[in-house]
Amino acid sequence: MTLPASTDSEQPIRKSAQRLRWFVQAFEEQAEQTSRETGTRYTVDHGRLAAVFAQWLKDFQAQKPERDEDKPAYVGFAAGLMLRTLIEMKPVLPGGADTTNPAYFWPEGYLYVVFCLNVRGLVLEGDYHGEQHTSALLNETRTWWSFKENVADDPSLAMAFLDLFAGDEPQWSVPHLFRTGRIRGLADRFYKQETLKAVD
């Protein structure tokens, strides 16, 4: 994915991504590219897409960290918020789908994931000099079955699955709350203890 031409080269990518015009253009370019690569046709509901952006920006601002050291970690979290919102609000209808691989098994879900991964990777690379190493699980239909089933029950799990696809450690317990460092470690240990108690 390339950056939309409207991006101001003087401005960090993460700032451009917080503008509706950039978001819509980037999403449309991703839909066109994915359509060329997979043969699936996508119809984008622009009203819903604008509503997705508005809801995402509200959620993004609600947990935005103050500390600079937390901001790179927030990139993945913000991308997960976007994926959750896309899945919940469904701004795309696919056509000509097959079911033999993830791109065809859940065409709109695939588009949403690829878009969020690409924006996430661009921000990490362009603004924080980081890298994103996607997991081989991104190409496994079995994982996509689990992904689709789980987010139907709890859309917030899309955030954990995006971390999984991005090659990061997923936060399965309360993924919609941003946590870093020691707080995340404590929360994960608490979740494991509660899970073990439930099994006993």
Protein backbone atom coordinates (compact mmCIF):
# COMPACT_ATOMS: atom_id res chain seq x y z
CA MET A 1 0.00 0.00 0.00
CA THR A 2 1.26 3.47 -0.84
CA LEU A 3 0.33 6.63 0.99
CA PRO A 4 -2.48 8.72 -0.50
CA ALA A 5 -1.16 11.60 -2.57
CA SER A 6 -2.88 14.09 -0.27
CA THR A 7 -0.51 13.25 2.60
CA ASP A 8 1.53 16.25 3.70
CA SER A 9 5.14 15.02 3.66
CA GLU A 10 5.95 17.41 6.52
CA GLN A 11 3.32 15.84 8.76
CA PRO A 12 3.67 12.49 10.57
CA ILE A 13 1.64 9.70 8.96
CA ARG A 14 -0.25 9.13 12.21
CA LYS A 15 -1.58 12.71 11.98
CA SER A 16 -2.66 12.30 8.35
CA ALA A 17 -4.45 9.07 9.26
CA GLN A 18 -6.62 11.07 11.68
CA ARG A 19 -8.20 12.99 8.78
CA LEU A 20 -11.35 11.74 7.07
CA ARG A 21 -10.19 12.60 3.56
CA TRP A 22 -6.92 10.66 3.98
CA PHE A 23 -8.72 7.71 5.53
CA VAL A 24 -11.33 7.45 2.76
CA GLN A 25 -8.71 7.79 0.01
CA ALA A 26 -6.42 5.21 1.64
CA PHE A 27 -9.30 2.77 2.13
CA GLU A 28 -10.48 3.13 -1.48
CA GLU A 29 -6.93 2.59 -2.77
CA GLN A 30 -6.65 -0.52 -0.59
CA ALA A 31 -9.99 -1.84 -1.89
CA GLU A 32 -8.88 -1.30 -5.50
CA GLN A 33 -5.52 -2.98 -4.91
CA THR A 34 -7.09 -5.95 -3.09
CA SER A 35 -9.66 -6.29 -5.87
CA ARG A 36 -6.89 -6.43 -8.50
CA GLU A 37 -4.99 -9.04 -6.48
CA THR A 38 -7.94 -11.30 -5.61
CA GLY A 39 -10.55 -10.70 -8.31
CA THR A 40 -13.14 -9.86 -5.65
CA ARG A 41 -15.20 -6.77 -6.38
CA TYR A 42 -15.94 -4.42 -3.47
CA THR A 43 -18.77 -1.93 -3.15
CA VAL A 44 -17.99 0.73 -0.53
CA ASP A 45 -20.81 2.50 1.30
CA HIS A 46 -19.25 5.94 1.78
CA GLY A 47 -21.80 7.01 4.38
CA ARG A 48 -20.94 4.01 6.52
CA LEU A 49 -17.24 4.49 5.88
CA ALA A 50 -17.46 8.07 7.18
CA ALA A 51 -19.36 6.78 10.22
CA VAL A 52 -16.60 4.18 10.78
CA PHE A 53 -14.01 6.95 10.79
CA ALA A 54 -16.01 9.14 13.19
CA GLN A 55 -16.51 6.26 15.64
CA TRP A 56 -12.88 5.18 15.37
CA LEU A 57 -11.60 8.72 15.99
CA LYS A 58 -13.79 8.99 19.10
CA ASP A 59 -12.50 5.66 20.43
CA PHE A 60 -8.93 6.56 19.46
CA GLN A 61 -9.02 9.86 21.36
CA ALA A 62 -10.61 8.26 24.44
CA GLN A 63 -7.53 6.17 25.29
CA LYS A 64 -4.77 8.11 23.57
CA PRO A 65 -1.65 7.91 25.81
CA GLU A 66 0.11 10.99 27.12
CA ARG A 67 3.58 9.46 27.51
CA ASP A 68 5.77 9.40 24.38
CA GLU A 69 7.12 5.94 25.23
CA ASP A 70 3.57 4.51 25.00
CA LYS A 71 2.82 5.95 21.56
CA PRO A 72 4.51 3.29 19.37
CA ALA A 73 2.54 0.56 21.20
CA TYR A 74 -0.63 2.58 20.70
CA VAL A 75 -0.21 2.32 16.92
CA GLY A 76 -1.11 -1.38 16.99
CA PHE A 77 -3.92 -0.72 19.44
CA ALA A 78 -5.36 2.05 17.23
CA ALA A 79 -5.21 -0.24 14.20
CA GLY A 80 -7.11 -2.85 16.21
CA LEU A 81 -9.74 -0.26 17.10
CA MET A 82 -10.12 0.47 13.39
CA LEU A 83 -10.52 -3.21 12.52
CA ARG A 84 -13.14 -3.67 15.24
CA THR A 85 -15.10 -0.66 13.96
CA LEU A 86 -14.94 -1.81 10.32
CA ILE A 87 -16.22 -5.26 11.30
CA GLU A 88 -19.01 -3.83 13.44
CA MET A 89 -20.21 -1.20 10.93
CA LYS A 90 -19.71 -3.19 7.69
CA PRO A 91 -19.04 -0.45 5.11
CA VAL A 92 -18.19 -2.94 2.31
CA LEU A 93 -20.12 -5.50 0.29
CA PRO A 94 -18.05 -8.05 -1.69
CA GLY A 95 -18.95 -9.66 -5.00
CA GLY A 96 -17.60 -12.68 -6.87
CA ALA A 97 -16.25 -14.41 -3.76
CA ASP A 98 -14.85 -17.93 -3.58
CA THR A 99 -14.01 -19.80 -0.35
CA THR A 100 -10.66 -21.47 -1.03
CA ASN A 101 -8.35 -19.06 0.82
CA PRO A 102 -8.63 -16.22 3.35
CA ALA A 103 -8.95 -13.54 0.68
CA TYR A 104 -12.09 -15.29 -0.59
CA PHE A 105 -13.34 -17.02 2.57
CA TRP A 106 -14.32 -13.69 4.14
CA PRO A 107 -13.61 -11.05 1.46
CA GLU A 108 -14.62 -7.93 3.36
CA GLY A 109 -12.91 -9.17 6.54
CA TYR A 110 -9.76 -9.79 4.52
CA LEU A 111 -9.90 -6.26 3.08
CA TYR A 112 -10.36 -4.75 6.55
CA VAL A 113 -7.41 -6.70 7.97
CA VAL A 114 -5.07 -5.88 5.07
CA PHE A 115 -6.01 -2.19 5.27
CA CYS A 116 -5.41 -2.01 9.03
CA LEU A 117 -2.13 -3.94 8.78
CA ASN A 118 -0.88 -1.69 6.00
CA VAL A 119 -1.73 1.56 7.79
CA ARG A 120 -0.25 0.14 11.01
CA GLY A 121 2.96 -0.81 9.20
CA LEU A 122 3.23 2.57 7.46
CA VAL A 123 2.87 4.49 10.72
CA LEU A 124 5.34 2.26 12.57
CA GLU A 125 7.90 2.57 9.79
CA GLY A 126 7.37 6.21 8.85
CA ASP A 127 6.86 7.75 12.29
CA TYR A 128 8.69 5.41 14.68
CA HIS A 129 11.33 3.69 12.49
CA GLY A 130 9.87 0.33 13.47
CA GLU A 131 8.97 -2.74 11.45
CA GLN A 132 5.97 -4.98 11.23
CA HIS A 133 6.51 -8.69 10.53
CA THR A 134 3.23 -10.32 9.59
CA SER A 135 2.56 -13.86 10.74
CA ALA A 136 2.11 -16.87 8.45
CA LEU A 137 -1.25 -17.28 10.21
CA LEU A 138 -2.53 -14.51 7.96
CA ASN A 139 -2.68 -17.09 5.16
CA GLU A 140 -4.30 -19.94 7.12
CA THR A 141 -8.00 -20.44 6.47
CA ARG A 142 -8.36 -22.29 9.80
CA THR A 143 -7.26 -19.16 11.66
CA TRP A 144 -9.74 -17.11 9.63
CA TRP A 145 -12.55 -19.50 10.62
CA SER A 146 -11.68 -18.86 14.26
CA PHE A 147 -11.34 -15.13 13.64
CA LYS A 148 -14.73 -14.81 11.95
CA GLU A 149 -16.54 -16.93 14.55
CA ASN A 150 -14.98 -15.16 17.53
CA VAL A 151 -15.55 -11.60 16.35
CA ALA A 152 -19.19 -12.46 15.61
CA ASP A 153 -19.54 -13.07 19.37
CA ASP A 154 -17.20 -10.29 20.52
CA PRO A 155 -16.02 -7.70 17.95
CA SER A 156 -13.30 -6.48 20.35
CA LEU A 157 -11.43 -9.74 19.73
CA ALA A 158 -10.65 -8.35 16.27
CA MET A 159 -8.01 -6.29 18.02
CA ALA A 160 -6.28 -9.38 19.41
CA PHE A 161 -6.48 -11.14 16.05
CA LEU A 162 -4.91 -8.14 14.33
CA ASP A 163 -1.98 -8.38 16.76
CA LEU A 164 -1.75 -12.09 15.93
CA PHE A 165 -1.72 -11.39 12.17
CA ALA A 166 0.85 -8.62 12.71
CA GLY A 167 3.21 -11.05 14.45
CA ASP A 168 2.75 -9.50 17.90
CA GLU A 169 1.60 -11.08 21.15
CA PRO A 170 -2.21 -10.82 21.22
CA GLN A 171 -3.99 -9.42 24.25
CA TRP A 172 -6.96 -11.80 24.50
CA SER A 173 -8.31 -10.50 27.81
CA VAL A 174 -10.15 -7.16 27.47
CA PRO A 175 -8.35 -6.28 24.22
CA HIS A 176 -10.21 -2.97 23.89
CA LEU A 177 -8.33 -1.45 26.87
CA PHE A 178 -4.89 -0.02 26.13
CA ARG A 179 -2.18 -1.32 28.44
CA THR A 180 1.58 -1.20 28.26
CA GLY A 181 4.52 -2.43 30.31
CA ARG A 182 3.93 -3.53 33.89
CA ILE A 183 0.15 -2.89 33.79
CA ARG A 184 -0.27 -5.27 30.85
CA GLY A 185 1.84 -7.93 32.56
CA LEU A 186 -0.25 -7.73 35.73
CA ALA A 187 -3.49 -7.88 33.75
CA ASP A 188 -2.32 -10.92 31.78
CA ARG A 189 -1.30 -12.74 34.96
CA PHE A 190 -4.67 -11.96 36.55
CA TYR A 191 -6.49 -13.22 33.45
CA LYS A 192 -4.51 -16.50 33.51
CA GLN A 193 -5.27 -16.99 37.21
CA GLU A 194 -8.98 -16.40 36.67
CA THR A 195 -8.98 -18.78 33.70
CA LEU A 196 -7.31 -21.51 35.78
CA LYS A 197 -9.86 -21.01 38.56
CA ALA A 198 -12.70 -21.39 36.04
CA VAL A 199 -11.16 -24.67 34.77
CA ASP A 200 -10.82 -26.05 38.31
